[in-house]
Amino acid sequence: MNAQPSPFVPFGPAHLAALTAVALVVVGVTTLVRARPSATPWVRGGLILGIVGLVVFEVGMSVREGWFTWKTWLPLELCDAATVLAVLSLLVPRPALAEVLYFWSASGSVLAMLTPAIPGSFPRWDFVVFFGLHGLVLAAALVLVFGLGLHPRPGAPRRVFLLTLGWTAFVAMMNVVLDTNFMFLRQKPPVTTLLDWLGPWPVYILSGAALGFALFHFLAFPFRAEWRPDARA
């Protein structure tokens, strides 16, 4: 008789271990690139292989378990879009790509890992894939920004916020057309997440936008000194 999978426990031992592992990987690869620039191609390649490998594995498991549909795999969730952007940015590092990835991953990916919408805990494969993908995307962003020096440019928080609003509007339209709930724009997930603290529908959408706006500006603090006109002179 198969044992029932362990339910996910917020900030339980498995959750804390996953967060610690992600932090160690992120700090480790970013520090390595800063200390040994010659290792950069290997780090970028390793992150790409890790992200692509986890996605392929997840697709394979979804087929094996019978829940694969083309709707399931549309990259309309913000974290899914960030995953695609991470691979593209690692392949072709550009400030414009890196700044979007930085704000999306350092806010959305981090919040997703703090309050994940997943049903089960370790050693479930989806638990490992969830934290693995979100962690590698965050690592890609910090390697690009702090390792390779592709810092967000002046006005980046406002630009990325407007881009995010545009993306959200597009996803909302696709939800209506496809009868889906990407980005939880039509209803909250069935498990406890940060959205439960942001009010009922549709208030939590507006609260989430305000939180994102604040987080983007907070994440820009390390770069504001270099944005001053005298610093660029």
C-alpha atoms as a PDB file:
ATOM      1  CA  MET A   1       0.000   0.000   0.000  1.00  0.00           C
ATOM      2  CA  ASN A   2       1.476   3.384  -1.039  1.00  0.00           C
ATOM      3  CA  ALA A   3       2.072   5.860   1.747  1.00  0.00           C
ATOM      4  CA  GLN A   4       0.309   9.209   1.481  1.00  0.00           C
ATOM      5  CA  PRO A   5       2.658  12.043   0.499  1.00  0.00           C
ATOM      6  CA  SER A   6       3.566  14.444   3.276  1.00  0.00           C
ATOM      7  CA  PRO A   7       1.646  17.737   3.112  1.00  0.00           C
ATOM      8  CA  PHE A   8       3.618  20.910   2.659  1.00  0.00           C
ATOM      9  CA  VAL A   9       4.300  22.670   5.971  1.00  0.00           C
ATOM     10  CA  PRO A  10       5.181  26.378   5.631  1.00  0.00           C
ATOM     11  CA  PHE A  11       8.585  26.994   7.217  1.00  0.00           C
ATOM     12  CA  GLY A  12       8.771  23.408   8.361  1.00  0.00           C
ATOM     13  CA  PRO A  13      12.064  21.480   8.201  1.00  0.00           C
ATOM     14  CA  ALA A  14      11.765  20.623   4.480  1.00  0.00           C
ATOM     15  CA  HIS A  15      10.796  24.181   3.530  1.00  0.00           C
ATOM     16  CA  LEU A  16      13.636  25.721   5.532  1.00  0.00           C
ATOM     17  CA  ALA A  17      16.100  23.201   4.109  1.00  0.00           C
ATOM     18  CA  ALA A  18      14.999  24.069   0.563  1.00  0.00           C
ATOM     19  CA  LEU A  19      15.326  27.807   1.220  1.00  0.00           C
ATOM     20  CA  THR A  20      18.778  27.272   2.716  1.00  0.00           C
ATOM     21  CA  ALA A  21      19.893  25.172  -0.254  1.00  0.00           C
ATOM     22  CA  VAL A  22      18.680  27.854  -2.686  1.00  0.00           C
ATOM     23  CA  ALA A  23      20.482  30.570  -0.737  1.00  0.00           C
ATOM     24  CA  LEU A  24      23.734  28.594  -0.740  1.00  0.00           C
ATOM     25  CA  VAL A  25      23.551  27.964  -4.486  1.00  0.00           C
ATOM     26  CA  VAL A  26      22.691  31.594  -5.292  1.00  0.00           C
ATOM     27  CA  VAL A  27      25.451  33.018  -3.120  1.00  0.00           C
ATOM     28  CA  GLY A  28      27.914  30.369  -4.248  1.00  0.00           C
ATOM     29  CA  VAL A  29      27.573  30.854  -8.002  1.00  0.00           C
ATOM     30  CA  THR A  30      27.430  34.644  -7.741  1.00  0.00           C
ATOM     31  CA  THR A  31      30.553  34.719  -5.586  1.00  0.00           C
ATOM     32  CA  LEU A  32      32.320  32.307  -7.942  1.00  0.00           C
ATOM     33  CA  VAL A  33      31.647  34.504 -10.981  1.00  0.00           C
ATOM     34  CA  ARG A  34      32.850  37.613  -9.149  1.00  0.00           C
ATOM     35  CA  ALA A  35      35.996  35.914  -7.833  1.00  0.00           C
ATOM     36  CA  ARG A  36      36.831  33.920 -10.970  1.00  0.00           C
ATOM     37  CA  PRO A  37      35.531  35.577 -14.157  1.00  0.00           C
ATOM     38  CA  SER A  38      37.021  32.705 -16.161  1.00  0.00           C
ATOM     39  CA  ALA A  39      34.374  30.443 -14.612  1.00  0.00           C
ATOM     40  CA  THR A  40      31.527  32.567 -16.019  1.00  0.00           C
ATOM     41  CA  PRO A  41      30.891  30.477 -19.167  1.00  0.00           C
ATOM     42  CA  TRP A  42      30.726  27.319 -17.074  1.00  0.00           C
ATOM     43  CA  VAL A  43      28.345  28.884 -14.567  1.00  0.00           C
ATOM     44  CA  ARG A  44      26.089  30.255 -17.297  1.00  0.00           C
ATOM     45  CA  GLY A  45      26.102  26.911 -19.089  1.00  0.00           C
ATOM     46  CA  GLY A  46      25.425  25.028 -15.883  1.00  0.00           C
ATOM     47  CA  LEU A  47      22.473  27.240 -15.002  1.00  0.00           C
ATOM     48  CA  ILE A  48      21.004  26.835 -18.487  1.00  0.00           C
ATOM     49  CA  LEU A  49      21.382  23.053 -18.352  1.00  0.00           C
ATOM     50  CA  GLY A  50      19.891  22.961 -14.868  1.00  0.00           C
ATOM     51  CA  ILE A  51      16.848  25.043 -15.814  1.00  0.00           C
ATOM     52  CA  VAL A  52      16.200  23.230 -19.096  1.00  0.00           C
ATOM     53  CA  GLY A  53      16.779  19.843 -17.476  1.00  0.00           C
ATOM     54  CA  LEU A  54      14.242  20.507 -14.715  1.00  0.00           C
ATOM     55  CA  VAL A  55      11.657  21.760 -17.211  1.00  0.00           C
ATOM     56  CA  VAL A  56      12.120  18.668 -19.402  1.00  0.00           C
ATOM     57  CA  PHE A  57      11.852  16.446 -16.339  1.00  0.00           C
ATOM     58  CA  GLU A  58       8.649  18.181 -15.231  1.00  0.00           C
ATOM     59  CA  VAL A  59       7.116  17.827 -18.693  1.00  0.00           C
ATOM     60  CA  GLY A  60       8.006  14.137 -18.696  1.00  0.00           C
ATOM     61  CA  MET A  61       6.433  13.614 -15.275  1.00  0.00           C
ATOM     62  CA  SER A  62       3.282  15.463 -16.301  1.00  0.00           C
ATOM     63  CA  VAL A  63       2.932  13.118 -19.295  1.00  0.00           C
ATOM     64  CA  ARG A  64       3.633  10.069 -17.158  1.00  0.00           C
ATOM     65  CA  GLU A  65       1.096  11.099 -14.502  1.00  0.00           C
ATOM     66  CA  GLY A  66      -1.533  12.029 -17.083  1.00  0.00           C
ATOM     67  CA  TRP A  67      -2.059  15.718 -16.401  1.00  0.00           C
ATOM     68  CA  PHE A  68      -0.170  17.155 -19.369  1.00  0.00           C
ATOM     69  CA  THR A  69      -2.173  19.611 -21.489  1.00  0.00           C
ATOM     70  CA  TRP A  70      -1.044  22.378 -23.797  1.00  0.00           C
ATOM     71  CA  LYS A  71      -2.762  24.911 -21.520  1.00  0.00           C
ATOM     72  CA  THR A  72      -0.758  23.665 -18.536  1.00  0.00           C
ATOM     73  CA  TRP A  73       2.495  24.467 -20.268  1.00  0.00           C
ATOM     74  CA  LEU A  74       1.774  27.920 -21.611  1.00  0.00           C
ATOM     75  CA  PRO A  75       4.448  30.153 -19.966  1.00  0.00           C
ATOM     76  CA  LEU A  76       1.919  32.708 -18.727  1.00  0.00           C
ATOM     77  CA  GLU A  77       2.693  32.570 -15.019  1.00  0.00           C
ATOM     78  CA  LEU A  78       5.131  35.343 -14.143  1.00  0.00           C
ATOM     79  CA  CYS A  79       7.599  32.800 -12.770  1.00  0.00           C
ATOM     80  CA  ASP A  80       7.310  30.764 -15.988  1.00  0.00           C
ATOM     81  CA  ALA A  81       7.982  33.879 -18.055  1.00  0.00           C
ATOM     82  CA  ALA A  82      10.970  34.579 -15.797  1.00  0.00           C
ATOM     83  CA  THR A  83      12.231  31.028 -16.443  1.00  0.00           C
ATOM     84  CA  VAL A  84      12.175  31.591 -20.205  1.00  0.00           C
ATOM     85  CA  LEU A  85      13.778  35.003 -19.725  1.00  0.00           C
ATOM     86  CA  ALA A  86      16.508  33.505 -17.514  1.00  0.00           C
ATOM     87  CA  VAL A  87      17.607  31.096 -20.253  1.00  0.00           C
ATOM     88  CA  LEU A  88      17.508  33.844 -22.872  1.00  0.00           C
ATOM     89  CA  SER A  89      19.451  36.245 -20.638  1.00  0.00           C
ATOM     90  CA  LEU A  90      22.109  33.638 -19.870  1.00  0.00           C
ATOM     91  CA  LEU A  91      22.508  32.919 -23.576  1.00  0.00           C
ATOM     92  CA  VAL A  92      22.565  36.589 -24.598  1.00  0.00           C
ATOM     93  CA  PRO A  93      23.422  38.749 -21.560  1.00  0.00           C
ATOM     94  CA  ARG A  94      21.971  42.230 -22.028  1.00  0.00           C
ATOM     95  CA  PRO A  95      21.178  44.937 -19.432  1.00  0.00           C
ATOM     96  CA  ALA A  96      17.594  45.258 -20.705  1.00  0.00           C
ATOM     97  CA  LEU A  97      16.961  41.536 -20.176  1.00  0.00           C
ATOM     98  CA  ALA A  98      18.898  41.300 -16.920  1.00  0.00           C
ATOM     99  CA  GLU A  99      17.002  44.137 -15.218  1.00  0.00           C
ATOM    100  CA  VAL A 100      13.608  42.577 -15.979  1.00  0.00           C
ATOM    101  CA  LEU A 101      14.808  39.190 -14.772  1.00  0.00           C
ATOM    102  CA  TYR A 102      16.278  40.761 -11.628  1.00  0.00           C
ATOM    103  CA  PHE A 103      13.080  42.508 -10.540  1.00  0.00           C
ATOM    104  CA  TRP A 104      10.826  39.599 -11.465  1.00  0.00           C
ATOM    105  CA  SER A 105      12.920  36.913  -9.802  1.00  0.00           C
ATOM    106  CA  ALA A 106      14.085  38.840  -6.739  1.00  0.00           C
ATOM    107  CA  SER A 107      10.453  39.675  -5.979  1.00  0.00           C
ATOM    108  CA  GLY A 108       8.180  37.058  -7.567  1.00  0.00           C
ATOM    109  CA  SER A 109      10.455  34.023  -7.319  1.00  0.00           C
ATOM    110  CA  VAL A 110      11.460  34.833  -3.746  1.00  0.00           C
ATOM    111  CA  LEU A 111       7.852  35.371  -2.633  1.00  0.00           C
ATOM    112  CA  ALA A 112       6.825  32.182  -4.422  1.00  0.00           C
ATOM    113  CA  MET A 113       9.453  30.210  -2.519  1.00  0.00           C
ATOM    114  CA  LEU A 114       8.448  31.799   0.785  1.00  0.00           C
ATOM    115  CA  THR A 115       4.761  30.965   0.298  1.00  0.00           C
ATOM    116  CA  PRO A 116       4.659  28.240  -2.374  1.00  0.00           C
ATOM    117  CA  ALA A 117       1.389  27.040  -3.870  1.00  0.00           C
ATOM    118  CA  ILE A 118       2.354  23.356  -3.807  1.00  0.00           C
ATOM    119  CA  PRO A 119       0.409  20.472  -2.255  1.00  0.00           C
ATOM    120  CA  GLY A 120       3.183  18.236  -0.961  1.00  0.00           C
ATOM    121  CA  SER A 121       6.587  18.301   0.656  1.00  0.00           C
ATOM    122  CA  PHE A 122       9.961  16.600   0.173  1.00  0.00           C
ATOM    123  CA  PRO A 123      10.686  14.043  -1.234  1.00  0.00           C
ATOM    124  CA  ARG A 124       7.924  14.660  -3.797  1.00  0.00           C
ATOM    125  CA  TRP A 125       9.437  15.400  -7.191  1.00  0.00           C
ATOM    126  CA  ASP A 126       7.290  18.506  -7.700  1.00  0.00           C
ATOM    127  CA  PHE A 127       8.647  19.975  -4.459  1.00  0.00           C
ATOM    128  CA  VAL A 128      12.210  19.498  -5.701  1.00  0.00           C
ATOM    129  CA  VAL A 129      11.416  20.890  -9.158  1.00  0.00           C
ATOM    130  CA  PHE A 130       9.576  23.899  -7.729  1.00  0.00           C
ATOM    131  CA  PHE A 131      12.444  25.039  -5.534  1.00  0.00           C
ATOM    132  CA  GLY A 132      15.054  23.944  -8.070  1.00  0.00           C
ATOM    133  CA  LEU A 133      13.571  26.029 -10.893  1.00  0.00           C
ATOM    134  CA  HIS A 134      12.808  29.097  -8.802  1.00  0.00           C
ATOM    135  CA  GLY A 135      16.242  28.910  -7.186  1.00  0.00           C
ATOM    136  CA  LEU A 136      18.112  28.576 -10.483  1.00  0.00           C
ATOM    137  CA  VAL A 137      16.163  31.470 -12.021  1.00  0.00           C
ATOM    138  CA  LEU A 138      17.050  33.631  -9.017  1.00  0.00           C
ATOM    139  CA  ALA A 139      20.672  32.502  -9.304  1.00  0.00           C
ATOM    140  CA  ALA A 140      20.695  33.452 -12.988  1.00  0.00           C
ATOM    141  CA  ALA A 141      19.417  36.933 -12.171  1.00  0.00           C
ATOM    142  CA  LEU A 142      21.973  37.603  -9.443  1.00  0.00           C
ATOM    143  CA  VAL A 143      24.836  36.178 -11.497  1.00  0.00           C
ATOM    144  CA  LEU A 144      23.948  38.540 -14.335  1.00  0.00           C
ATOM    145  CA  VAL A 145      23.422  41.598 -12.155  1.00  0.00           C
ATOM    146  CA  PHE A 146      25.995  41.206  -9.389  1.00  0.00           C
ATOM    147  CA  GLY A 147      28.381  38.764 -11.049  1.00  0.00           C
ATOM    148  CA  LEU A 148      28.586  40.188 -14.561  1.00  0.00           C
ATOM    149  CA  GLY A 149      27.748  43.761 -13.559  1.00  0.00           C
ATOM    150  CA  LEU A 150      24.622  44.114 -15.716  1.00  0.00           C
ATOM    151  CA  HIS A 151      23.059  46.541 -13.262  1.00  0.00           C
ATOM    152  CA  PRO A 152      19.524  47.870 -13.698  1.00  0.00           C
ATOM    153  CA  ARG A 153      19.577  51.214 -15.480  1.00  0.00           C
ATOM    154  CA  PRO A 154      18.024  54.492 -14.268  1.00  0.00           C
ATOM    155  CA  GLY A 155      14.238  54.252 -14.292  1.00  0.00           C
ATOM    156  CA  ALA A 156      14.295  50.450 -14.243  1.00  0.00           C
ATOM    157  CA  PRO A 157      11.742  49.992 -11.402  1.00  0.00           C
ATOM    158  CA  ARG A 158       9.139  52.075 -13.229  1.00  0.00           C
ATOM    159  CA  ARG A 159       9.837  50.427 -16.603  1.00  0.00           C
ATOM    160  CA  VAL A 160       9.664  46.899 -15.250  1.00  0.00           C
ATOM    161  CA  PHE A 161       6.548  47.711 -13.223  1.00  0.00           C
ATOM    162  CA  LEU A 162       4.766  49.014 -16.338  1.00  0.00           C
ATOM    163  CA  LEU A 163       5.927  45.948 -18.260  1.00  0.00           C
ATOM    164  CA  THR A 164       4.553  43.754 -15.469  1.00  0.00           C
ATOM    165  CA  LEU A 165       1.196  45.532 -15.585  1.00  0.00           C
ATOM    166  CA  GLY A 166       1.084  44.986 -19.335  1.00  0.00           C
ATOM    167  CA  TRP A 167       1.945  41.312 -18.908  1.00  0.00           C
ATOM    168  CA  THR A 168      -0.753  40.965 -16.227  1.00  0.00           C
ATOM    169  CA  ALA A 169      -3.357  42.531 -18.518  1.00  0.00           C
ATOM    170  CA  PHE A 170      -2.358  40.145 -21.311  1.00  0.00           C
ATOM    171  CA  VAL A 171      -2.588  37.136 -18.992  1.00  0.00           C
ATOM    172  CA  ALA A 172      -5.988  38.307 -17.713  1.00  0.00           C
ATOM    173  CA  MET A 173      -7.247  38.400 -21.295  1.00  0.00           C
ATOM    174  CA  MET A 174      -5.836  34.924 -21.986  1.00  0.00           C
ATOM    175  CA  ASN A 175      -7.522  33.613 -18.830  1.00  0.00           C
ATOM    176  CA  VAL A 176     -10.884  34.714 -20.196  1.00  0.00           C
ATOM    177  CA  VAL A 177     -10.218  33.254 -23.643  1.00  0.00           C
ATOM    178  CA  LEU A 178      -8.817  29.939 -22.350  1.00  0.00           C
ATOM    179  CA  ASP A 179     -10.883  29.683 -19.137  1.00  0.00           C
ATOM    180  CA  THR A 180      -7.706  29.419 -17.062  1.00  0.00           C
ATOM    181  CA  ASN A 181      -6.417  30.988 -13.843  1.00  0.00           C
ATOM    182  CA  PHE A 182      -2.833  31.952 -14.644  1.00  0.00           C
ATOM    183  CA  MET A 183      -1.237  34.255 -12.059  1.00  0.00           C
ATOM    184  CA  PHE A 184      -4.276  33.500  -9.861  1.00  0.00           C
ATOM    185  CA  LEU A 185      -6.064  36.479 -11.399  1.00  0.00           C
ATOM    186  CA  ARG A 186      -9.504  34.842 -11.239  1.00  0.00           C
ATOM    187  CA  GLN A 187      -9.268  33.174  -7.848  1.00  0.00           C
ATOM    188  CA  LYS A 188      -6.758  32.335  -5.145  1.00  0.00           C
ATOM    189  CA  PRO A 189      -4.909  28.997  -5.078  1.00  0.00           C
ATOM    190  CA  PRO A 190      -6.421  26.245  -2.902  1.00  0.00           C
ATOM    191  CA  VAL A 191      -3.457  26.326  -0.506  1.00  0.00           C
ATOM    192  CA  THR A 192      -2.316  29.098   1.822  1.00  0.00           C
ATOM    193  CA  THR A 193      -0.122  31.710   0.142  1.00  0.00           C
ATOM    194  CA  LEU A 194       0.770  35.377   0.486  1.00  0.00           C
ATOM    195  CA  LEU A 195      -2.417  36.249  -1.417  1.00  0.00           C
ATOM    196  CA  ASP A 196      -4.460  35.287   1.634  1.00  0.00           C
ATOM    197  CA  TRP A 197      -3.000  38.333   3.384  1.00  0.00           C
ATOM    198  CA  LEU A 198      -3.824  40.727   0.554  1.00  0.00           C
ATOM    199  CA  GLY A 199      -7.618  40.712   0.714  1.00  0.00           C
ATOM    200  CA  PRO A 200     -10.448  39.083  -1.242  1.00  0.00           C
ATOM    201  CA  TRP A 201     -10.794  39.039  -5.022  1.00  0.00           C
ATOM    202  CA  PRO A 202     -10.192  41.429  -6.766  1.00  0.00           C
ATOM    203  CA  VAL A 203      -8.607  43.427  -3.936  1.00  0.00           C
ATOM    204  CA  TYR A 204      -5.624  41.079  -3.718  1.00  0.00           C
ATOM    205  CA  ILE A 205      -4.743  41.865  -7.344  1.00  0.00           C
ATOM    206  CA  LEU A 206      -4.494  45.584  -6.570  1.00  0.00           C
ATOM    207  CA  SER A 207      -2.688  44.874  -3.285  1.00  0.00           C
ATOM    208  CA  GLY A 208      -0.270  42.615  -5.116  1.00  0.00           C
ATOM    209  CA  ALA A 209       0.436  45.337  -7.667  1.00  0.00           C
ATOM    210  CA  ALA A 210       1.141  47.823  -4.879  1.00  0.00           C
ATOM    211  CA  LEU A 211       3.419  45.306  -3.167  1.00  0.00           C
ATOM    212  CA  GLY A 212       5.266  44.696  -6.429  1.00  0.00           C
ATOM    213  CA  PHE A 213       5.721  48.429  -6.982  1.00  0.00           C
ATOM    214  CA  ALA A 214       7.199  48.799  -3.493  1.00  0.00           C
ATOM    215  CA  LEU A 215       9.443  45.754  -3.878  1.00  0.00           C
ATOM    216  CA  PHE A 216      10.802  46.931  -7.238  1.00  0.00           C
ATOM    217  CA  HIS A 217      11.838  50.254  -5.708  1.00  0.00           C
ATOM    218  CA  PHE A 218      13.312  48.506  -2.678  1.00  0.00           C
ATOM    219  CA  LEU A 219      15.348  46.193  -4.925  1.00  0.00           C
ATOM    220  CA  ALA A 220      16.692  49.239  -6.765  1.00  0.00           C
ATOM    221  CA  PHE A 221      18.398  50.689  -3.671  1.00  0.00           C
ATOM    222  CA  PRO A 222      21.813  49.079  -4.332  1.00  0.00           C
ATOM    223  CA  PHE A 223      22.013  50.916  -7.667  1.00  0.00           C
ATOM    224  CA  ARG A 224      20.603  54.355  -6.886  1.00  0.00           C
ATOM    225  CA  ALA A 225      23.999  55.839  -6.066  1.00  0.00           C
ATOM    226  CA  GLU A 226      25.304  55.071  -9.556  1.00  0.00           C
ATOM    227  CA  TRP A 227      22.130  56.535 -11.098  1.00  0.00           C
ATOM    228  CA  ARG A 228      22.907  60.027  -9.793  1.00  0.00           C
ATOM    229  CA  PRO A 229      23.989  62.457 -12.531  1.00  0.00           C
ATOM    230  CA  ASP A 230      27.280  63.168 -10.754  1.00  0.00           C
ATOM    231  CA  ALA A 231      28.050  59.421 -10.614  1.00  0.00           C
ATOM    232  CA  ARG A 232      27.599  59.117 -14.387  1.00  0.00           C
ATOM    233  CA  ALA A 233      29.602  62.237 -15.203  1.00  0.00           C
END
